[in-house]
C-alpha cells in the first residue's frame, strides 16, 4: 500500500445534520491548557462566540444540532468499512514491538519527541483514518495509531525537545503541545502549545515511580487525545527486580468520522462511543501475532489506559497476577486491574502451563472493539494440546 506522504491531512472536519464543516487551525500564538483562573471564563466565552460565528457562517448548524450541541442519539456517523476505504492512500500496517525499550544513556535522559499527522488503519475491519501521533528519538509507529514509549529510572533528570513536525514528511497542519503526568512543573510554562515547525524544550526530574500518561494539552483536548495524541512514560524504581520479559501495553480509543481517510469524529468522542479500542494502536494485533514467552518465565507488563474516556479492566486469562503496582499501591493475588483514563501500573505473573493466554479488557463490550491480545508459550502446540 502507498503511504500518505503525498496525502497530507485535510482541514478538520465535523459533520452536523449531514453537512461537513471546516474549522481553521488556531493562529500561531502559543496557548496552554492551563490558563489562569481569572481569565478562564473570559476565554471560554470568547471561544464559544468565535466558534458559533464560524459554524453559522459556514452553514454548519441545523436547528436540532444547535439545540443539542451535536447529533441526536443514534445518529452518530457510522465508521466506514474496509471495503469503503479501498483506494485511500495510507500507511501499511507494521506490528508494534511491545518489549520495553532501554533507558537512554547519559546523565540527562534526552528525548526528542516529534509530532506527525498521518493516514493509517487501526483495524483490519475499518477504513483508514487520520491519526495524530508522537515519535520518540526517531521511533515512529506508522501503520498504527500508537505513539512510542519513554522509559527512565527514578531520580533521572529528563529533557524533552518537542518538535511540532520537524520536516514536511510529518504533515503537521495544527498547533500541538505535550503534557507529562510524570512531571512536577508549572504547566503554563512547560506544556505550551506551539505552531507547526516550532520547537519547545522542557526539563524535569523523574521524582515518582510509575506508569504515567503523556498527551497533547492543546484545546480542544478531547479532540487531540481522541485523534491519537497519547502515550506512556515509565519511571522504573531503581530496586526493581529483574524479570524475563518486560512488556508495555497502552489501551487507546479511536473514533471514526464518516469519510474514509478523514478526521476522527469529535461528536463520538463527546458521546463516549469509540469504534475501536486497541492495545498499542491497532485492534487485535497481538491476537493475530501473539507475544511469545516461556513457560514459567516471569513477565512484567506495564499497562496504561490512555483513554481518553473509557475505563479499562485489564486481565490475563489463565493466570493470576502475583503482584500489582497501580498508581503507587502495591497489591497481590489479583485477577484484574482497574484503570481509569490516564491511570497506569504494572503487573507481574508467570504462565504455568504451555498454552495461549489471552489478555483483554474484561469490559467485554469494549474488548470486542479490539482490546484483545495473546501471550503464547514457546511450546504451546495446537488447540487442546
Protein backbone atom coordinates (compact mmCIF):
# COMPACT_ATOMS: atom_id res chain seq x y z
CA UNK A 1 0.00 0.00 0.00
CA UNK A 2 1.11 3.53 -0.61
CA UNK A 3 1.97 5.79 2.25
CA UNK A 4 0.29 9.10 2.89
CA UNK A 5 3.33 11.26 2.14
CA UNK A 6 1.54 12.69 -0.89
CA UNK A 7 -1.70 12.88 1.05
CA UNK A 8 -1.26 15.48 3.81
CA UNK A 9 -4.01 15.83 6.43
CA UNK A 10 -7.04 17.82 5.34
CA UNK A 11 -8.59 20.58 7.45
CA UNK A 12 -10.52 19.43 10.47
CA UNK A 13 -13.96 18.12 9.50
CA UNK A 14 -17.07 17.90 11.66
CA UNK A 15 -20.41 16.62 10.45
CA UNK A 16 -23.73 18.00 11.65
CA UNK A 17 -27.10 17.44 10.09
CA UNK A 18 -25.49 15.84 7.02
CA UNK A 19 -23.16 18.78 6.35
CA UNK A 20 -19.40 18.93 6.77
CA UNK A 21 -17.81 21.92 8.45
CA UNK A 22 -14.23 23.10 8.27
CA UNK A 23 -12.51 24.75 11.22
CA UNK A 24 -9.42 26.85 10.60
CA UNK A 25 -6.32 25.93 12.57
CA UNK A 26 -5.70 28.27 15.50
CA UNK A 27 -3.23 31.11 14.96
CA UNK A 28 0.44 30.68 15.73
CA UNK A 29 0.47 32.32 19.15
CA UNK A 30 1.31 29.90 21.97
CA UNK A 31 -1.51 28.93 24.30
CA UNK A 32 -1.74 26.45 27.17
CA UNK A 33 -4.31 24.13 28.59
CA UNK A 34 -3.87 25.70 31.97
CA UNK A 35 -4.89 29.33 31.79
CA UNK A 36 -5.05 31.45 34.88
CA UNK A 37 -8.35 31.01 36.66
CA UNK A 38 -9.15 34.71 36.43
CA UNK A 39 -9.26 34.62 32.62
CA UNK A 40 -10.59 31.11 32.05
CA UNK A 41 -14.21 32.22 31.96
CA UNK A 42 -13.45 35.01 29.51
CA UNK A 43 -11.55 32.65 27.22
CA UNK A 44 -14.43 30.16 27.25
CA UNK A 45 -16.99 32.83 26.40
CA UNK A 46 -14.92 34.33 23.59
CA UNK A 47 -14.13 30.90 22.17
CA UNK A 48 -17.81 29.97 22.15
CA UNK A 49 -18.74 33.15 20.34
CA UNK A 50 -16.00 32.69 17.73
CA UNK A 51 -16.86 29.05 17.08
CA UNK A 52 -20.57 29.76 16.86
CA UNK A 53 -19.88 32.56 14.39
CA UNK A 54 -17.68 30.33 12.26
CA UNK A 55 -20.18 27.45 12.24
CA UNK A 56 -23.15 29.61 11.37
CA UNK A 57 -21.22 31.49 8.70
CA UNK A 58 -20.33 28.20 7.08
CA UNK A 59 -23.84 26.77 7.24
CA UNK A 60 -22.88 24.10 9.72
CA UNK A 61 -25.67 24.24 12.31
CA UNK A 62 -29.13 22.92 11.74
CA UNK A 63 -31.88 23.55 14.30
CA UNK A 64 -31.52 20.21 16.06
CA UNK A 65 -27.73 20.42 16.31
CA UNK A 66 -27.93 23.99 17.61
CA UNK A 67 -30.21 22.90 20.45
CA UNK A 68 -28.42 19.66 21.36
CA UNK A 69 -24.79 20.53 20.61
CA UNK A 70 -24.44 17.57 18.25
CA UNK A 71 -26.28 14.73 16.51
CA UNK A 72 -29.25 13.22 18.27
CA UNK A 73 -28.81 9.86 19.99
CA UNK A 74 -28.46 7.06 17.48
CA UNK A 75 -27.46 9.47 14.69
CA UNK A 76 -23.70 9.35 15.11
CA UNK A 77 -21.78 8.63 11.93
CA UNK A 78 -21.13 5.01 11.07
CA UNK A 79 -17.48 4.07 10.76
CA UNK A 80 -16.60 3.38 7.10
CA UNK A 81 -15.73 -0.25 6.42
CA UNK A 82 -12.50 -1.59 4.98
CA UNK A 83 -14.25 -2.05 1.62
CA UNK A 84 -15.41 1.56 1.68
CA UNK A 85 -11.83 2.60 2.36
CA UNK A 86 -10.31 0.80 -0.61
CA UNK A 87 -8.15 3.12 -2.69
CA UNK A 88 -7.48 5.58 0.15
CA UNK A 89 -3.69 6.07 0.35
CA UNK A 90 -2.46 5.08 3.81
CA UNK A 91 0.48 3.59 5.64
CA UNK A 92 0.77 -0.22 5.60
CA UNK A 93 0.36 -1.95 8.94
CA UNK A 94 3.55 -2.70 10.83
CA UNK A 95 3.30 -4.50 14.17
CA UNK A 96 4.35 -2.58 17.27
CA UNK A 97 7.11 -4.22 19.33
CA UNK A 98 5.69 -4.50 22.88
CA UNK A 99 9.07 -5.13 24.54
CA UNK A 100 10.14 -2.26 26.76
CA UNK A 101 12.88 -0.08 25.27
CA UNK A 102 16.04 0.61 27.27
CA UNK A 103 16.64 3.72 29.34
CA UNK A 104 18.78 6.15 27.30
CA UNK A 105 22.44 6.63 28.18
CA UNK A 106 23.78 9.83 29.70
CA UNK A 107 23.41 11.79 32.91
CA UNK A 108 20.39 13.58 31.43
CA UNK A 109 17.82 11.40 29.68
CA UNK A 110 17.18 13.25 26.44
CA UNK A 111 14.10 12.56 24.31
CA UNK A 112 13.35 14.22 21.00
CA UNK A 113 9.58 13.98 20.64
CA UNK A 114 8.20 14.81 17.20
CA UNK A 115 4.58 15.16 16.07
CA UNK A 116 3.28 13.57 12.90
CA UNK A 117 -0.22 13.67 11.39
CA UNK A 118 -0.80 10.63 9.22
CA UNK A 119 -3.37 8.45 7.49
CA UNK A 120 -3.33 4.89 8.76
CA UNK A 121 -5.50 1.97 9.72
CA UNK A 122 -6.13 0.95 13.30
CA UNK A 123 -8.30 -2.08 12.50
CA UNK A 124 -8.42 -4.65 9.71
CA UNK A 125 -12.20 -4.25 9.52
CA UNK A 126 -12.43 -0.48 9.04
CA UNK A 127 -11.22 2.15 6.61
CA UNK A 128 -8.11 4.26 7.16
CA UNK A 129 -8.44 7.46 9.20
CA UNK A 130 -6.31 10.43 10.13
CA UNK A 131 -4.34 9.99 13.33
CA UNK A 132 -2.07 12.41 15.20
CA UNK A 133 0.91 10.69 16.86
CA UNK A 134 4.23 11.26 18.63
CA UNK A 135 7.57 9.74 17.69
CA UNK A 136 10.32 9.38 20.30
CA UNK A 137 14.00 9.58 19.37
CA UNK A 138 13.17 8.68 15.80
CA UNK A 139 10.89 5.73 16.61
CA UNK A 140 7.64 6.07 14.66
CA UNK A 141 4.82 3.55 14.75
CA UNK A 142 3.41 4.33 11.32
CA UNK A 143 0.78 1.90 10.12
CA UNK A 144 -0.84 2.05 13.57
CA UNK A 145 -2.16 4.71 15.94
CA UNK A 146 0.46 4.08 18.65
CA UNK A 147 2.89 6.66 20.00
CA UNK A 148 6.29 5.48 21.20
CA UNK A 149 7.02 4.99 24.94
CA UNK A 150 9.63 6.79 27.04
CA UNK A 151 11.50 4.94 29.81
CA UNK A 152 13.66 6.39 32.60
CA UNK A 153 14.79 5.45 36.09
CA UNK A 154 13.56 7.07 39.29
CA UNK A 155 15.55 10.22 40.03
CA UNK A 156 16.70 10.79 36.44
CA UNK A 157 16.94 14.28 35.01
CA UNK A 158 14.81 14.42 31.87
CA UNK A 159 14.98 16.76 28.90
CA UNK A 160 12.19 16.79 26.32
CA UNK A 161 12.61 18.56 22.99
CA UNK A 162 9.15 18.76 21.42
CA UNK A 163 9.08 19.41 17.70
CA UNK A 164 5.70 20.06 16.12
CA UNK A 165 6.58 18.45 12.80
CA UNK A 166 10.34 18.60 12.23
CA UNK A 167 10.07 18.00 8.48
CA UNK A 168 7.45 18.17 5.74
CA UNK A 169 7.00 14.38 5.86
CA UNK A 170 5.37 14.80 9.27
CA UNK A 171 2.47 16.62 7.52
CA UNK A 172 1.66 18.72 10.59
CA UNK A 173 -1.07 21.32 9.99
CA UNK A 174 -2.18 22.18 13.53
CA UNK A 175 -0.69 23.56 16.75
CA UNK A 176 0.13 20.91 19.36
CA UNK A 177 1.72 20.52 22.79
CA UNK A 178 2.76 17.84 25.27
CA UNK A 179 1.79 17.29 28.93
CA UNK A 180 3.70 14.79 31.08
CA UNK A 181 1.81 13.40 34.07
CA UNK A 182 5.19 12.28 35.45
CA UNK A 183 6.47 15.88 35.71
CA UNK A 184 6.18 18.37 38.54
CA UNK A 185 6.44 21.66 36.65
CA UNK A 186 4.48 24.85 36.08
CA UNK A 187 2.13 23.76 33.28
CA UNK A 188 1.66 27.28 31.87
CA UNK A 189 5.40 27.33 31.14
CA UNK A 190 6.17 23.68 30.43
CA UNK A 191 3.13 22.49 28.47
CA UNK A 192 2.76 25.34 25.99
CA UNK A 193 1.23 24.98 22.56
CA UNK A 194 3.50 25.55 19.57
CA UNK A 195 2.74 26.11 15.91
CA UNK A 196 3.75 23.73 13.10
CA UNK A 197 7.51 23.71 12.65
CA UNK A 198 8.26 25.18 16.08
CA UNK A 199 10.27 23.62 18.93
CA UNK A 200 9.85 23.74 22.71
CA UNK A 201 12.11 22.32 25.42
CA UNK A 202 11.08 21.30 28.93
CA UNK A 203 13.06 19.74 31.75
CA UNK A 204 12.09 17.92 34.94
CA UNK A 205 13.29 15.32 37.40
CA UNK A 206 11.50 11.96 37.50
CA UNK A 207 10.65 12.03 41.21
CA UNK A 208 7.95 9.34 41.28
CA UNK A 209 7.97 5.74 40.01
CA UNK A 210 5.05 4.52 37.95
CA UNK A 211 3.36 4.25 34.59
CA UNK A 212 2.40 7.75 33.52
CA UNK A 213 0.45 9.20 30.63
CA UNK A 214 1.71 11.90 28.30
CA UNK A 215 -0.62 13.65 25.88
CA UNK A 216 -1.38 16.78 23.88
CA UNK A 217 -2.86 19.52 26.06
CA UNK A 218 -3.96 21.84 23.26
CA UNK A 219 -7.64 22.81 23.17
CA UNK A 220 -9.90 21.06 22.50
CA UNK A 221 -8.01 18.44 24.49
CA UNK A 222 -10.63 15.76 23.81
CA UNK A 223 -10.13 16.10 20.06
CA UNK A 224 -6.34 15.97 20.25
CA UNK A 225 -6.26 12.96 22.58
CA UNK A 226 -9.09 11.24 20.72
CA UNK A 227 -7.17 11.77 17.48
CA UNK A 228 -4.28 9.77 18.90
CA UNK A 229 -2.01 12.16 20.81
CA UNK A 230 -1.43 9.94 23.86
CA UNK A 231 1.45 7.80 25.07
CA UNK A 232 3.18 6.22 28.06
CA UNK A 233 6.20 7.26 30.12
CA UNK A 234 7.53 4.62 32.50
CA UNK A 235 9.60 5.65 35.53
CA UNK A 236 11.22 2.49 36.89
CA UNK A 237 12.14 2.15 40.57
CA UNK A 238 15.87 1.60 40.96
CA UNK A 239 15.43 -1.53 43.07
CA UNK A 240 13.04 -3.21 40.61
CA UNK A 241 13.80 -6.93 40.46
CA UNK A 242 14.81 -8.40 37.09
CA UNK A 243 12.26 -10.44 35.15
CA UNK A 244 12.37 -12.47 31.96
CA UNK A 245 10.09 -10.18 29.94
CA UNK A 246 9.12 -6.52 30.28
CA UNK A 247 6.24 -5.51 28.01
CA UNK A 248 4.33 -2.24 27.53
CA UNK A 249 0.62 -2.12 26.70
CA UNK A 250 -1.34 1.08 26.11
CA UNK A 251 -5.12 0.93 25.76
CA UNK A 252 -6.41 3.64 23.43
CA UNK A 253 -9.67 4.63 21.74
CA UNK A 254 -10.35 5.64 18.12
CA UNK A 255 -13.40 7.48 16.79
CA UNK A 256 -14.14 7.36 13.06
CA UNK A 257 -15.77 10.11 11.08
CA UNK A 258 -17.97 9.27 8.08
CA UNK A 259 -15.31 9.84 5.42
CA UNK A 260 -12.68 7.12 4.73
CA UNK A 261 -9.28 8.59 5.43
CA UNK A 262 -10.87 11.63 7.12
CA UNK A 263 -10.66 13.21 10.54
CA UNK A 264 -11.95 11.43 13.66
CA UNK A 265 -15.39 12.37 14.93
CA UNK A 266 -15.46 14.71 17.93
CA UNK A 267 -19.19 14.13 18.46
CA UNK A 268 -18.47 10.43 19.05
CA UNK A 269 -15.75 11.42 21.50
CA UNK A 270 -18.21 13.57 23.41
CA UNK A 271 -20.71 10.69 23.41
CA UNK A 272 -18.00 8.19 24.52
CA UNK A 273 -18.79 5.94 21.55
CA UNK A 274 -15.45 4.67 20.20
CA UNK A 275 -15.39 2.45 17.13
CA UNK A 276 -12.09 0.82 18.08
CA UNK A 277 -10.41 0.20 21.44
CA UNK A 278 -6.92 -1.13 20.81
CA UNK A 279 -3.73 -2.18 22.53
CA UNK A 280 -0.68 -0.32 21.18
CA UNK A 281 -2.53 1.39 18.39
CA UNK A 282 -4.08 -1.46 16.38
CA UNK A 283 -7.06 -3.70 17.11
CA UNK A 284 -6.20 -7.32 17.91
CA UNK A 285 -2.65 -7.08 16.56
CA UNK A 286 -1.33 -9.39 19.32
CA UNK A 287 -4.16 -11.84 18.78
CA UNK A 288 -3.09 -12.32 15.15
CA UNK A 289 0.60 -12.39 16.12
CA UNK A 290 0.85 -13.48 19.79
CA UNK A 291 3.64 -12.33 22.08
CA UNK A 292 5.94 -15.28 22.82
CA UNK A 293 7.15 -16.01 26.36
CA UNK A 294 8.48 -19.16 28.02
CA UNK A 295 6.51 -21.39 30.35
CA UNK A 296 7.32 -20.43 33.93
CA UNK A 297 9.15 -17.25 32.92
CA UNK A 298 8.37 -14.15 34.93
CA UNK A 299 6.52 -11.47 32.95
CA UNK A 300 6.07 -7.83 33.90
CA UNK A 301 3.52 -5.86 31.89
CA UNK A 302 3.39 -2.07 32.16
CA UNK A 303 -0.19 -1.09 31.38
CA UNK A 304 -1.57 2.39 30.69
CA UNK A 305 -5.17 3.29 29.98
CA UNK A 306 -4.70 6.35 27.76
CA UNK A 307 -8.43 6.74 27.16
CA UNK A 308 -9.42 9.42 26.52
CA UNK A 309 -12.70 8.36 28.17
CA UNK A 310 -13.29 4.60 28.60
CA UNK A 311 -12.20 2.67 31.70
CA UNK A 312 -10.06 -0.48 31.47
CA UNK A 313 -10.32 -3.78 33.36
CA UNK A 314 -7.05 -5.43 32.33
CA UNK A 315 -6.96 -9.20 32.75
CA UNK A 316 -4.82 -12.10 31.54
CA UNK A 317 -6.94 -15.21 31.10
CA UNK A 318 -5.46 -18.32 32.70
CA UNK A 319 -3.26 -16.74 35.34
CA UNK A 320 -3.37 -14.61 38.49
CA UNK A 321 -1.23 -11.52 39.00
CA UNK A 322 1.28 -12.33 41.75
CA UNK A 323 1.98 -8.63 42.22
CA UNK A 324 0.41 -5.37 41.08
CA UNK A 325 1.68 -1.81 41.47
CA UNK A 326 -1.11 0.52 40.41
CA UNK A 327 -0.87 4.27 40.98
CA UNK A 328 1.58 3.69 43.83
CA UNK A 329 -0.50 0.99 45.56
CA UNK A 330 1.06 -2.47 45.86
CA UNK A 331 -1.23 -5.46 45.65
CA UNK A 332 -1.04 -9.24 45.38
CA UNK A 333 -3.13 -12.16 44.10
CA UNK A 334 -5.21 -10.01 41.73
CA UNK A 335 -7.36 -11.23 38.85
CA UNK A 336 -7.94 -7.81 37.20
CA UNK A 337 -6.61 -4.28 37.50
CA UNK A 338 -8.99 -1.36 37.25
CA UNK A 339 -7.64 1.70 35.39
CA UNK A 340 -9.48 4.97 34.87
CA UNK A 341 -8.46 7.05 31.85
CA UNK A 342 -4.85 8.24 32.38
CA UNK A 343 -4.10 5.66 35.10
CA UNK A 344 -1.41 3.01 34.84
CA UNK A 345 0.73 0.48 36.65
CA UNK A 346 2.42 -2.86 36.24
CA UNK A 347 1.54 -6.48 36.88
CA UNK A 348 3.80 -9.50 37.38
CA UNK A 349 2.94 -13.14 36.75
CA UNK A 350 4.05 -16.45 35.26
CA UNK A 351 2.31 -18.79 32.81
CA UNK A 352 2.45 -22.19 34.50
CA UNK A 353 1.44 -24.41 31.58
CA UNK A 354 2.18 -24.48 27.88
CA UNK A 355 -0.58 -22.72 26.00
CA UNK A 356 -2.11 -19.49 24.73
CA UNK A 357 -3.22 -16.90 27.28
CA UNK A 358 -5.44 -14.07 26.02
CA UNK A 359 -5.12 -10.64 27.63
CA UNK A 360 -8.13 -8.33 27.41
CA UNK A 361 -10.09 -5.58 28.98
CA UNK A 362 -12.69 -7.53 30.90
CA UNK A 363 -15.30 -4.95 29.96
CA UNK A 364 -16.33 -7.26 27.14
CA UNK A 365 -18.31 -4.70 25.14
CA UNK A 366 -15.01 -2.83 24.84
CA UNK A 367 -12.94 -5.96 24.30
CA UNK A 368 -14.88 -6.87 21.15
CA UNK A 369 -13.88 -3.48 19.68
CA UNK A 370 -10.29 -4.68 19.53
CA UNK A 371 -8.76 -4.63 23.04
CA UNK A 372 -7.54 -8.23 22.98
CA UNK A 373 -4.19 -9.94 22.52
CA UNK A 374 -2.50 -13.25 23.31
CA UNK A 375 0.58 -14.36 25.23
CA UNK A 376 1.76 -17.70 23.87
CA UNK A 377 4.35 -20.00 25.37
CA UNK A 378 7.15 -21.31 23.18
CA UNK A 379 5.79 -24.85 23.04
CA UNK A 380 2.08 -24.15 23.18
CA UNK A 381 1.09 -26.59 20.46
CA UNK A 382 -2.35 -26.51 18.88
CA UNK A 383 -5.81 -26.21 20.42
CA UNK A 384 -6.46 -28.87 23.05
CA UNK A 385 -2.81 -29.94 23.34
